[in-house]
Structure formats: structure tokens, C-alpha cells
N, C-alpha and C. Protein backbone atom coordinates (compact mmCIF):
# COMPACT_ATOMS: atom_id res chain seq x y z
N UNK A 1 0.99 -1.32 0.09
CA UNK A 1 0.02 -0.04 -0.18
C UNK A 1 0.87 1.02 0.13
N UNK A 2 0.48 2.16 -0.76
CA UNK A 2 1.49 3.58 -0.45
C UNK A 2 0.97 4.31 0.78
N UNK A 3 2.95 4.70 1.17
CA UNK A 3 3.27 5.14 2.25
C UNK A 3 2.22 6.69 2.12
N UNK A 4 1.93 7.37 1.30
CA UNK A 4 1.38 8.63 1.47
C UNK A 4 -0.18 8.29 1.88
N UNK A 5 -0.66 7.56 2.09
CA UNK A 5 -1.73 7.88 2.10
C UNK A 5 -2.40 8.08 3.53
N UNK A 6 -1.75 8.22 4.14
CA UNK A 6 -1.84 8.72 5.90
C UNK A 6 -2.50 10.62 5.22
N UNK A 7 -1.31 10.96 4.82
CA UNK A 7 -1.66 12.34 4.44
C UNK A 7 -2.32 12.60 3.93
N UNK A 8 -2.48 11.85 2.82
CA UNK A 8 -3.54 12.13 2.29
C UNK A 8 -5.14 12.33 2.56
N UNK A 9 -5.55 11.15 3.38
CA UNK A 9 -6.25 11.25 4.55
C UNK A 9 -6.51 12.67 5.68
N UNK A 10 -5.80 12.88 5.96
CA UNK A 10 -5.51 14.05 6.64
C UNK A 10 -5.45 15.26 5.73
N UNK A 11 -5.10 15.28 4.93
CA UNK A 11 -5.69 16.52 4.23
C UNK A 11 -6.85 16.52 3.73
N UNK A 12 -7.83 15.68 3.28
CA UNK A 12 -8.79 15.53 2.68
C UNK A 12 -9.84 16.00 4.19
N UNK A 13 -9.13 15.08 5.00
CA UNK A 13 -10.59 14.89 6.05
C UNK A 13 -10.16 16.54 6.35
N UNK A 14 -9.11 17.38 6.68
CA UNK A 14 -9.61 18.46 7.16
C UNK A 14 -9.78 19.34 6.72
N UNK A 15 -9.78 18.97 4.74
CA UNK A 15 -10.47 20.29 4.17
C UNK A 15 -11.80 19.98 4.29
N UNK A 16 -12.09 19.13 4.45
CA UNK A 16 -13.67 18.50 4.37
C UNK A 16 -13.99 19.20 5.81
N UNK A 17 -12.98 19.36 6.70
CA UNK A 17 -13.90 20.13 8.10
C UNK A 17 -13.66 21.00 8.01
N UNK A 18 -13.02 21.84 7.68
CA UNK A 18 -12.72 23.03 7.39
C UNK A 18 -13.97 23.79 6.35
N UNK A 19 -14.28 23.26 5.14
CA UNK A 19 -15.39 23.57 4.78
C UNK A 19 -16.69 23.29 4.94
N UNK A 20 -17.31 22.57 6.03
CA UNK A 20 -18.01 22.00 6.83
C UNK A 20 -18.10 23.55 8.21
N UNK A 21 -17.23 23.79 8.28
CA UNK A 21 -17.48 24.03 9.47
C UNK A 21 -17.45 25.67 8.69
N UNK A 22 -16.88 26.37 7.57
CA UNK A 22 -16.88 27.46 6.78
C UNK A 22 -18.48 27.78 6.61
N UNK A 23 -19.30 26.58 6.50
CA UNK A 23 -20.76 26.32 6.09
C UNK A 23 -21.80 26.44 6.82
N UNK A 24 -20.95 26.36 7.73
CA UNK A 24 -21.95 26.24 9.42
C UNK A 24 -21.92 27.54 9.37
N UNK A 25 -20.45 28.42 9.92
CA UNK A 25 -20.64 29.62 10.44
C UNK A 25 -21.77 30.74 9.29
N UNK A 26 -21.65 30.39 8.20
CA UNK A 26 -22.09 31.42 6.90
C UNK A 26 -23.43 31.23 7.07
N UNK A 27 -23.96 29.65 7.87
CA UNK A 27 -25.44 29.64 7.87
C UNK A 27 -25.63 30.68 9.46
N UNK A 28 -25.15 30.33 10.22
CA UNK A 28 -25.58 31.25 11.55
C UNK A 28 -25.32 32.61 10.74
N UNK A 29 -24.58 33.64 10.41
CA UNK A 29 -24.26 34.75 10.04
C UNK A 29 -25.84 34.82 9.31
N UNK A 30 -25.93 33.69 8.13
CA UNK A 30 -27.02 34.56 7.45
C UNK A 30 -28.68 34.61 8.30
N UNK A 31 -28.58 33.12 9.40
CA UNK A 31 -30.03 33.31 9.67
C UNK A 31 -29.89 34.64 10.90
N UNK A 32 -28.62 35.27 11.56
CA UNK A 32 -28.84 36.05 12.43
C UNK A 32 -29.30 38.02 11.72
N UNK A 33 -28.52 37.94 10.62
CA UNK A 33 -29.06 38.81 9.62
C UNK A 33 -29.95 39.00 9.61
N UNK A 34 -31.42 38.18 9.28
CA UNK A 34 -32.98 38.02 9.35
C UNK A 34 -33.05 38.86 10.55
N UNK A 35 -32.80 38.87 11.67
CA UNK A 35 -32.73 39.53 12.43
C UNK A 35 -32.77 40.75 13.07
N UNK A 36 -31.40 40.61 12.52
CA UNK A 36 -30.71 41.89 12.67
C UNK A 36 -30.01 41.95 14.14
N UNK A 37 -29.21 40.51 14.80
CA UNK A 37 -28.84 40.58 15.83
C UNK A 37 -28.11 39.82 15.94
N UNK A 38 -26.82 39.57 17.02
CA UNK A 38 -26.04 38.57 16.53
C UNK A 38 -26.60 36.89 17.06
N UNK A 39 -25.70 36.25 16.70
CA UNK A 39 -26.42 34.89 17.47
C UNK A 39 -26.50 34.77 19.00
N UNK A 40 -27.61 34.23 18.93
CA UNK A 40 -27.87 33.85 20.47
C UNK A 40 -27.57 32.01 20.47
N UNK A 41 -26.23 31.31 20.77
CA UNK A 41 -26.38 30.11 21.09
C UNK A 41 -26.05 29.80 22.30
N UNK A 42 -27.13 29.48 23.30
CA UNK A 42 -27.02 28.67 24.57
C UNK A 42 -25.76 27.59 24.79
N UNK A 43 -26.14 27.43 26.11
CA UNK A 43 -24.97 25.64 26.50
C UNK A 43 -26.01 24.40 26.01
N UNK A 44 -27.30 24.31 26.05
CA UNK A 44 -27.90 23.86 25.41
C UNK A 44 -27.87 23.01 23.89
N UNK A 45 -27.57 24.23 23.33
CA UNK A 45 -27.76 24.07 21.74
C UNK A 45 -26.12 23.61 21.56
N UNK A 46 -24.99 24.18 22.66
CA UNK A 46 -23.88 23.58 22.61
C UNK A 46 -23.63 22.62 22.73
N UNK A 47 -24.38 21.92 24.01
CA UNK A 47 -24.44 20.48 24.35
C UNK A 47 -24.91 19.36 22.96
N UNK A 48 -25.96 20.42 22.87
CA UNK A 48 -26.54 18.93 21.67
C UNK A 48 -25.57 18.83 20.20
N UNK A 49 -25.10 20.00 20.21
CA UNK A 49 -24.17 20.25 19.21
C UNK A 49 -22.58 19.21 18.93
N UNK A 50 -22.54 19.23 20.78
CA UNK A 50 -21.52 18.55 20.66
C UNK A 50 -21.64 16.69 21.11
N UNK A 51 -22.24 16.43 21.11
CA UNK A 51 -23.23 14.92 20.93
C UNK A 51 -23.35 14.77 19.58
N UNK A 52 -24.17 15.56 18.94
CA UNK A 52 -24.07 15.27 17.40
C UNK A 52 -23.02 15.31 16.81
N UNK A 53 -22.20 16.08 16.61
CA UNK A 53 -20.02 15.79 16.31
C UNK A 53 -19.86 14.21 16.72
N UNK A 54 -19.86 13.85 18.19
CA UNK A 54 -18.97 13.18 18.78
C UNK A 54 -19.88 12.09 18.17
N UNK A 55 -21.38 11.73 18.00
CA UNK A 55 -21.74 10.68 17.14
C UNK A 55 -21.27 10.57 15.79
N UNK A 56 -21.07 11.40 15.01
CA UNK A 56 -20.71 11.82 13.72
C UNK A 56 -18.98 11.63 13.47
N UNK A 57 -18.33 11.52 13.99
CA UNK A 57 -17.20 11.18 14.56
C UNK A 57 -17.16 10.05 14.79
N UNK A 58 -17.87 9.32 15.64
CA UNK A 58 -17.69 7.83 15.74
C UNK A 58 -18.48 6.93 14.67
N UNK A 59 -19.37 7.54 13.65
CA UNK A 59 -19.49 6.81 12.62
C UNK A 59 -18.74 6.98 11.99
N UNK A 60 -18.26 7.87 11.44
CA UNK A 60 -16.45 8.25 10.04
C UNK A 60 -15.79 7.04 10.58
N UNK A 61 -15.19 7.47 12.01
CA UNK A 61 -14.14 6.33 12.74
C UNK A 61 -14.85 4.81 12.25
N UNK A 62 -15.84 4.36 12.04
CA UNK A 62 -16.24 2.60 12.63
C UNK A 62 -16.67 2.58 10.59
N UNK A 63 -15.68 3.62 9.72
CA UNK A 63 -16.16 2.96 8.51
C UNK A 63 -14.86 2.02 7.93
N UNK A 64 -14.09 2.57 8.45
CA UNK A 64 -13.05 1.02 7.65
C UNK A 64 -12.94 -0.12 8.86
N UNK A 65 -13.70 0.35 9.55
CA UNK A 65 -13.49 -1.75 10.74
C UNK A 65 -14.20 -2.25 10.20
N UNK A 66 -13.92 -3.48 9.86
CA UNK A 66 -14.14 -4.91 9.66
C UNK A 66 -13.83 -4.68 8.11
N UNK A 67 -13.09 -4.49 7.95
CA UNK A 67 -12.73 -4.35 6.17
C UNK A 67 -10.76 -4.75 6.11
N UNK A 68 -10.70 -5.43 7.31
CA UNK A 68 -9.37 -6.75 7.46
C UNK A 68 -9.11 -7.33 5.98
N UNK A 69 -8.14 -7.60 5.72
CA UNK A 69 -7.44 -7.88 4.22
C UNK A 69 -7.25 -9.32 4.81
């Protein structure tokens, strides 16, 4: 197997994560501009988002599991 695959995976994952974060920030900004006030994200919203992201990362981590040669 190619020895540079780990770097490629990290680069692609970093780019996807950065683009996803930028997209989420854009959505928050556009939604707050509708109301002409800064976004208010409470502790409950942050906790729900953190749990959602942990579940997503766990699912992504399981993508390669069970595919042993």
C-alpha cells in the first residue's frame, strides 16, 4: 500500500472539516442577519451540537472497521 495515504487522508479530512465549519458559520451569520442581531447560542445548543458531532465522528471512525484483508 502507498506510504503517503495517511497524509492524503488527513489533508482531505481537514479540508472537508474546514469547509463544513465555514458553511455552518455562514448559515449562522445569514440567519442572524434576518433578525439584525448577533446569534445567541446557549449552553443547551452547544451540548446538543457536541453530542451530534461526537456521534458523527464515531460513525466516520467505524467506516474502515471490519474491512481487514
